[in-house]
């Protein structure tokens, strides 16, 4: 008899928990901010391709691919080089993470863009411009360059007036 009452109590507990879960899921589904946060948490590892460019970043005639991705944690800029083994294929070179959570764009030569290649300091090596916005929606124009020796992406800092 005690076993039957234990099973009956277990069934009540299971039904109670199912009811509570149903109410919680319904509440999440109806509350849009909670739903958006849950989706962002579940999709946290997804990357959204925002922009692509091809450019000769080292001045040697090789057309590198530059990719700009958006994630829930920030912006990622990747550089791919033409593969030496396979025609038309590319190999990963480097990536840099920009912690600003919002993608940005700016106007260059009367065209709005999310990613641009410009020789900012006029040294003969083009820089990658990747605009973004921080949490307070302050705009940032991130300037990156591919180091020709190490083939690593670097964030270019503006030179101070004392230099």
Protein backbone atom coordinates (compact mmCIF):
# COMPACT_ATOMS: atom_id res chain seq x y z
CA UNK A 1 0.00 0.00 0.00
CA UNK A 2 2.87 2.37 0.84
CA UNK A 3 4.41 1.70 -2.59
CA UNK A 4 1.15 2.67 -4.33
CA UNK A 5 0.96 5.91 -2.30
CA UNK A 6 4.63 6.64 -3.16
CA UNK A 7 3.91 6.16 -6.87
CA UNK A 8 0.79 8.34 -6.53
CA UNK A 9 2.85 11.07 -4.83
CA UNK A 10 5.50 10.81 -7.55
CA UNK A 11 2.86 11.28 -10.23
CA UNK A 12 1.53 14.36 -8.43
CA UNK A 13 5.07 15.77 -8.27
CA UNK A 14 5.66 15.11 -11.98
CA UNK A 15 2.36 16.76 -12.94
CA UNK A 16 3.13 19.72 -10.67
CA UNK A 17 6.58 20.19 -12.26
CA UNK A 18 5.12 19.91 -15.77
CA UNK A 19 2.56 22.56 -14.88
CA UNK A 20 5.20 24.91 -13.50
CA UNK A 21 7.38 24.39 -16.61
CA UNK A 22 4.41 25.08 -18.89
CA UNK A 23 3.66 28.33 -17.07
CA UNK A 24 7.33 29.41 -17.25
CA UNK A 25 7.65 28.63 -20.96
CA UNK A 26 4.38 30.43 -21.68
CA UNK A 27 5.62 33.44 -19.74
CA UNK A 28 8.90 33.48 -21.69
CA UNK A 29 7.04 33.19 -24.98
CA UNK A 30 4.72 36.07 -24.14
CA UNK A 31 7.35 38.41 -22.68
CA UNK A 32 9.26 39.67 -25.73
CA UNK A 33 12.39 40.93 -23.91
CA UNK A 34 12.84 37.58 -22.15
CA UNK A 35 12.28 35.75 -25.43
CA UNK A 36 14.93 37.88 -27.17
CA UNK A 37 17.44 37.29 -24.36
CA UNK A 38 16.78 33.55 -24.43
CA UNK A 39 17.27 33.46 -28.21
CA UNK A 40 20.52 35.44 -27.90
CA UNK A 41 21.75 33.05 -25.22
CA UNK A 42 20.87 29.99 -27.32
CA UNK A 43 22.38 31.52 -30.48
CA UNK A 44 25.48 32.90 -28.74
CA UNK A 45 27.94 31.01 -30.92
CA UNK A 46 26.38 31.95 -34.26
CA UNK A 47 28.17 34.31 -36.61
CA UNK A 48 26.37 36.53 -39.11
CA UNK A 49 28.38 37.58 -42.16
CA UNK A 50 28.11 41.37 -42.39
CA UNK A 51 30.57 42.32 -45.15
CA UNK A 52 33.28 40.95 -47.43
CA UNK A 53 36.06 42.56 -49.45
CA UNK A 54 38.96 41.45 -51.61
CA UNK A 55 42.15 43.47 -51.56
CA UNK A 56 45.92 43.32 -51.92
CA UNK A 57 46.86 43.96 -48.28
CA UNK A 58 50.61 43.42 -48.66
CA UNK A 59 51.27 45.04 -52.03
CA UNK A 60 52.45 41.77 -53.59
CA UNK A 61 49.50 41.16 -55.91
CA UNK A 62 47.78 38.54 -53.71
CA UNK A 63 44.07 39.20 -53.32
CA UNK A 64 43.17 38.55 -49.68
CA UNK A 65 39.57 38.11 -48.56
CA UNK A 66 38.46 40.20 -45.60
CA UNK A 67 35.32 39.07 -43.76
CA UNK A 68 33.38 40.97 -41.10
CA UNK A 69 31.08 38.95 -38.81
CA UNK A 70 28.67 39.94 -36.09
CA UNK A 71 28.16 37.78 -33.01
CA UNK A 72 26.26 38.27 -29.76
CA UNK A 73 29.57 39.18 -28.11
CA UNK A 74 30.95 41.62 -30.69
CA UNK A 75 32.44 42.00 -34.15
CA UNK A 76 35.02 39.67 -35.74
CA UNK A 77 37.23 40.58 -38.70
CA UNK A 78 38.99 37.69 -40.46
CA UNK A 79 41.59 37.63 -43.22
CA UNK A 80 41.93 34.74 -45.68
CA UNK A 81 44.77 34.30 -48.17
CA UNK A 82 44.67 32.51 -51.51
CA UNK A 83 45.62 28.86 -51.10
CA UNK A 84 48.89 27.82 -52.69
CA UNK A 85 47.60 24.26 -53.19
CA UNK A 86 44.11 24.74 -54.61
CA UNK A 87 43.06 27.28 -57.22
CA UNK A 88 40.15 29.42 -56.03
CA UNK A 89 40.46 28.22 -52.42
CA UNK A 90 41.42 30.35 -49.42
CA UNK A 91 43.18 29.58 -46.17
CA UNK A 92 42.66 31.26 -42.80
CA UNK A 93 45.36 33.80 -41.85
CA UNK A 94 44.15 35.64 -38.74
CA UNK A 95 41.15 37.11 -36.93
CA UNK A 96 40.69 39.99 -34.54
CA UNK A 97 37.84 40.45 -32.08
CA UNK A 98 36.27 43.89 -31.62
CA UNK A 99 34.23 43.90 -28.39
CA UNK A 100 31.70 46.49 -29.59
CA UNK A 101 28.32 44.72 -29.81
CA UNK A 102 26.82 46.69 -32.69
CA UNK A 103 27.84 46.81 -36.34
CA UNK A 104 28.43 50.18 -37.90
CA UNK A 105 28.77 51.75 -41.31
CA UNK A 106 30.23 54.95 -42.68
CA UNK A 107 30.31 56.82 -45.95
CA UNK A 108 33.41 56.70 -48.14
CA UNK A 109 33.39 58.25 -51.62
CA UNK A 110 29.62 58.78 -51.26
CA UNK A 111 29.00 55.04 -50.64
CA UNK A 112 27.83 53.65 -47.31
CA UNK A 113 29.89 50.63 -46.27
CA UNK A 114 30.49 48.31 -43.32
CA UNK A 115 34.06 47.50 -44.33
CA UNK A 116 36.63 49.42 -46.38
CA UNK A 117 40.26 49.27 -47.47
CA UNK A 118 42.11 52.61 -47.36
CA UNK A 119 45.76 53.60 -47.03
CA UNK A 120 45.06 55.83 -44.03
CA UNK A 121 48.64 56.73 -43.14
CA UNK A 122 49.83 56.79 -46.79
CA UNK A 123 52.67 54.32 -46.15
CA UNK A 124 51.84 52.18 -49.21
CA UNK A 125 50.14 49.44 -47.16
CA UNK A 126 46.35 49.64 -47.00
CA UNK A 127 44.48 49.44 -43.71
CA UNK A 128 41.13 47.77 -43.02
CA UNK A 129 38.41 50.07 -41.66
CA UNK A 130 35.70 48.26 -39.67
CA UNK A 131 33.18 50.60 -38.02
CA UNK A 132 31.22 49.59 -34.92
CA UNK A 133 29.16 51.01 -32.05
CA UNK A 134 29.64 50.32 -28.35
CA UNK A 135 26.87 49.74 -25.77
CA UNK A 136 26.24 53.48 -25.49
CA UNK A 137 26.03 53.73 -29.30
CA UNK A 138 29.27 55.68 -29.52
CA UNK A 139 30.77 55.15 -32.98
CA UNK A 140 34.24 53.62 -33.39
CA UNK A 141 36.21 53.43 -36.62
CA UNK A 142 38.47 50.44 -35.97
CA UNK A 143 41.59 50.58 -38.10
CA UNK A 144 43.37 47.26 -38.68
CA UNK A 145 46.39 46.24 -40.70
CA UNK A 146 47.97 42.95 -41.68
CA UNK A 147 51.60 42.84 -40.55
CA UNK A 148 53.63 41.69 -43.58
CA UNK A 149 56.24 39.87 -41.47
CA UNK A 150 54.06 38.00 -38.97
CA UNK A 151 50.88 37.93 -41.12
CA UNK A 152 48.86 38.89 -38.03
CA UNK A 153 46.09 41.45 -37.81
CA UNK A 154 46.89 44.45 -35.63
CA UNK A 155 44.71 47.22 -34.29
CA UNK A 156 46.29 50.49 -35.46
CA UNK A 157 46.43 53.14 -32.76
CA UNK A 158 46.43 56.79 -33.77
CA UNK A 159 49.82 58.46 -33.41
CA UNK A 160 50.04 61.04 -30.65
CA UNK A 161 50.87 64.63 -31.51
CA UNK A 162 54.27 64.25 -29.77
CA UNK A 163 55.46 61.61 -32.27
